[in-house]
Amino acid sequence: MAVMSSGRVGDQVALTSVLHEFKEPVSLTVDYYLQESRPGTSGTLSVYLLSKQRFPTRLHFGKFQMIELIGGWKRDCVHIPNGTYHVMFLATLGLPYHSDIYLDNIQLRPNDFCSGNNIDEPTGNFTLMLIARMN
């Protein structure tokens, strides 16, 4: 997903999954890139679980050490408890034309994956794909 920052500061774009029943807790990993032309100008990326009634619960990155990838990309992880939810990524724009937001490689992993020691580095092919997407 690419969110191009041609709008106003604070504009938001959401990517929402279909309703899914998580029979057991899982970890969700995501690679993302937040463009920042100077400190404080980047947008933000949030992850929410939406219940059947669309009541949002915000999930928080950073339960383990986030991984820095090539070219400013980052990989982070959140826990999803068992239950029935939509998973929603919410991108909020920063400085117009200088705060693009990109998402890639969204994966569901075993529940204990976010503990920090299990995050795998991308392969060479994956890194090349990320560099190509940034251009």
Protein backbone atom coordinates (compact mmCIF):
# COMPACT_ATOMS: atom_id res chain seq x y z
CA MET A 1 0.00 0.00 0.00
CA ALA A 2 1.31 3.44 -0.85
CA VAL A 3 -0.19 6.63 0.59
CA MET A 4 0.98 9.64 -1.40
CA SER A 5 1.06 12.87 0.60
CA SER A 6 -0.62 15.25 -1.84
CA GLY A 7 -3.37 16.11 0.65
CA ARG A 8 -3.44 18.19 3.83
CA VAL A 9 -1.68 17.54 7.14
CA GLY A 10 -3.80 15.09 9.11
CA ASP A 11 -5.60 13.52 6.12
CA GLN A 12 -6.07 9.79 6.71
CA VAL A 13 -6.21 6.67 4.57
CA ALA A 14 -7.34 3.28 5.94
CA LEU A 15 -6.63 -0.23 4.69
CA THR A 16 -9.11 -2.63 6.35
CA SER A 17 -9.21 -6.41 6.12
CA VAL A 18 -12.30 -8.55 5.85
CA LEU A 19 -13.82 -9.72 9.13
CA HIS A 20 -11.72 -12.64 10.38
CA GLU A 21 -12.06 -15.01 13.33
CA PHE A 22 -8.73 -15.45 15.11
CA LYS A 23 -9.18 -18.75 16.93
CA GLU A 24 -5.96 -18.19 18.86
CA PRO A 25 -3.72 -15.15 19.46
CA VAL A 26 -1.24 -14.30 16.68
CA SER A 27 1.51 -11.81 15.93
CA LEU A 28 1.22 -9.53 12.92
CA THR A 29 4.42 -8.21 11.32
CA VAL A 30 4.53 -5.35 8.83
CA ASP A 31 7.27 -3.55 6.91
CA TYR A 32 6.68 0.19 6.52
CA TYR A 33 8.37 3.36 5.33
CA LEU A 34 7.50 6.85 6.59
CA GLN A 35 9.01 9.57 4.40
CA GLU A 36 10.42 12.47 6.41
CA SER A 37 11.98 15.48 4.64
CA ARG A 38 13.07 16.96 7.98
CA PRO A 39 12.47 15.95 11.61
CA GLY A 40 8.81 16.08 12.59
CA THR A 41 7.37 16.13 9.06
CA SER A 42 6.57 12.43 8.63
CA GLY A 43 3.13 10.91 8.79
CA THR A 44 2.11 8.19 11.21
CA LEU A 45 1.00 4.59 10.90
CA SER A 46 -1.42 3.00 13.37
CA VAL A 47 -2.94 -0.48 13.60
CA TYR A 48 -6.45 -1.07 14.95
CA LEU A 49 -8.67 -4.06 15.55
CA LEU A 50 -12.31 -3.38 14.69
CA SER A 51 -14.95 -5.58 16.29
CA LYS A 52 -18.03 -6.74 14.36
CA GLN A 53 -19.67 -3.50 15.49
CA ARG A 54 -16.62 -1.57 14.21
CA PHE A 55 -15.51 -0.52 17.72
CA PRO A 56 -11.76 0.26 17.40
CA THR A 57 -8.97 -0.99 19.66
CA ARG A 58 -5.54 0.49 18.92
CA LEU A 59 -2.60 -1.89 18.89
CA HIS A 60 0.86 -0.58 19.75
CA PHE A 61 4.11 -1.23 17.94
CA GLY A 62 7.28 -1.48 19.92
CA LYS A 63 6.66 -4.38 22.28
CA PHE A 64 10.07 -5.57 21.05
CA GLN A 65 12.90 -3.82 19.26
CA MET A 66 11.81 -2.59 15.84
CA ILE A 67 14.16 -3.59 13.01
CA GLU A 68 15.65 -1.00 10.65
CA LEU A 69 15.77 -2.26 7.07
CA ILE A 70 17.53 -0.90 3.97
CA GLY A 71 16.53 2.57 2.73
CA GLY A 72 14.65 3.75 5.83
CA TRP A 73 12.17 0.86 5.89
CA LYS A 74 11.25 -0.59 9.29
CA ARG A 75 9.73 -3.87 10.45
CA ASP A 76 7.54 -4.02 13.53
CA CYS A 77 5.09 -6.36 15.20
CA VAL A 78 1.81 -6.27 17.15
CA HIS A 79 -0.12 -8.95 19.06
CA ILE A 80 -3.66 -9.82 17.97
CA PRO A 81 -5.71 -11.62 20.67
CA ASN A 82 -8.20 -14.33 19.81
CA GLY A 83 -11.57 -13.00 18.67
CA THR A 84 -13.34 -11.80 15.53
CA TYR A 85 -11.96 -8.59 14.03
CA HIS A 86 -11.19 -6.48 11.02
CA VAL A 87 -7.51 -5.44 11.05
CA MET A 88 -7.14 -1.80 9.99
CA PHE A 89 -3.98 0.11 9.11
CA LEU A 90 -4.50 3.87 9.42
CA ALA A 91 -2.01 6.17 7.68
CA THR A 92 -2.11 9.83 8.79
CA LEU A 93 -0.28 12.31 6.55
CA GLY A 94 2.31 14.76 7.78
CA LEU A 95 3.81 17.57 5.68
CA PRO A 96 2.12 17.69 2.22
CA TYR A 97 4.23 16.21 -0.60
CA HIS A 98 6.92 15.13 1.88
CA SER A 99 5.30 12.44 4.07
CA ASP A 100 4.49 9.45 1.83
CA ILE A 101 3.71 6.23 3.71
CA TYR A 102 4.31 2.70 2.37
CA LEU A 103 3.27 -0.72 3.73
CA ASP A 104 4.57 -4.09 2.57
CA ASN A 105 5.02 -7.68 3.67
CA ILE A 106 2.11 -7.95 6.14
CA GLN A 107 2.24 -11.42 7.76
CA LEU A 108 0.49 -13.35 10.50
CA ARG A 109 2.94 -15.28 12.69
CA PRO A 110 2.78 -17.49 15.80
CA ASN A 111 1.58 -15.72 18.97
CA ASP A 112 5.03 -15.44 20.59
CA PHE A 113 6.69 -14.02 17.47
CA CYS A 114 6.64 -10.42 18.75
CA SER A 115 8.85 -11.38 21.69
CA GLY A 116 11.83 -9.91 19.85
CA ASN A 117 14.17 -12.80 19.18
CA ASN A 118 12.19 -14.26 16.30
CA ILE A 119 12.22 -11.37 13.82
CA ASP A 120 14.01 -12.57 10.71
CA GLU A 121 16.04 -10.30 8.49
CA PRO A 122 14.85 -10.02 4.88
CA THR A 123 16.57 -12.01 2.17
CA GLY A 124 18.58 -10.28 -0.55
CA ASN A 125 15.68 -10.59 -2.99
CA PHE A 126 13.29 -8.98 -0.53
CA THR A 127 15.66 -6.07 0.07
CA LEU A 128 15.99 -5.46 -3.65
CA MET A 129 12.20 -5.44 -3.95
CA LEU A 130 11.96 -2.76 -1.25
CA ILE A 131 14.54 -0.56 -2.95
CA ALA A 132 12.71 -0.88 -6.28
CA ARG A 133 9.42 0.10 -4.66
CA MET A 134 10.86 3.26 -3.16
CA ASN A 135 11.80 4.72 -6.54
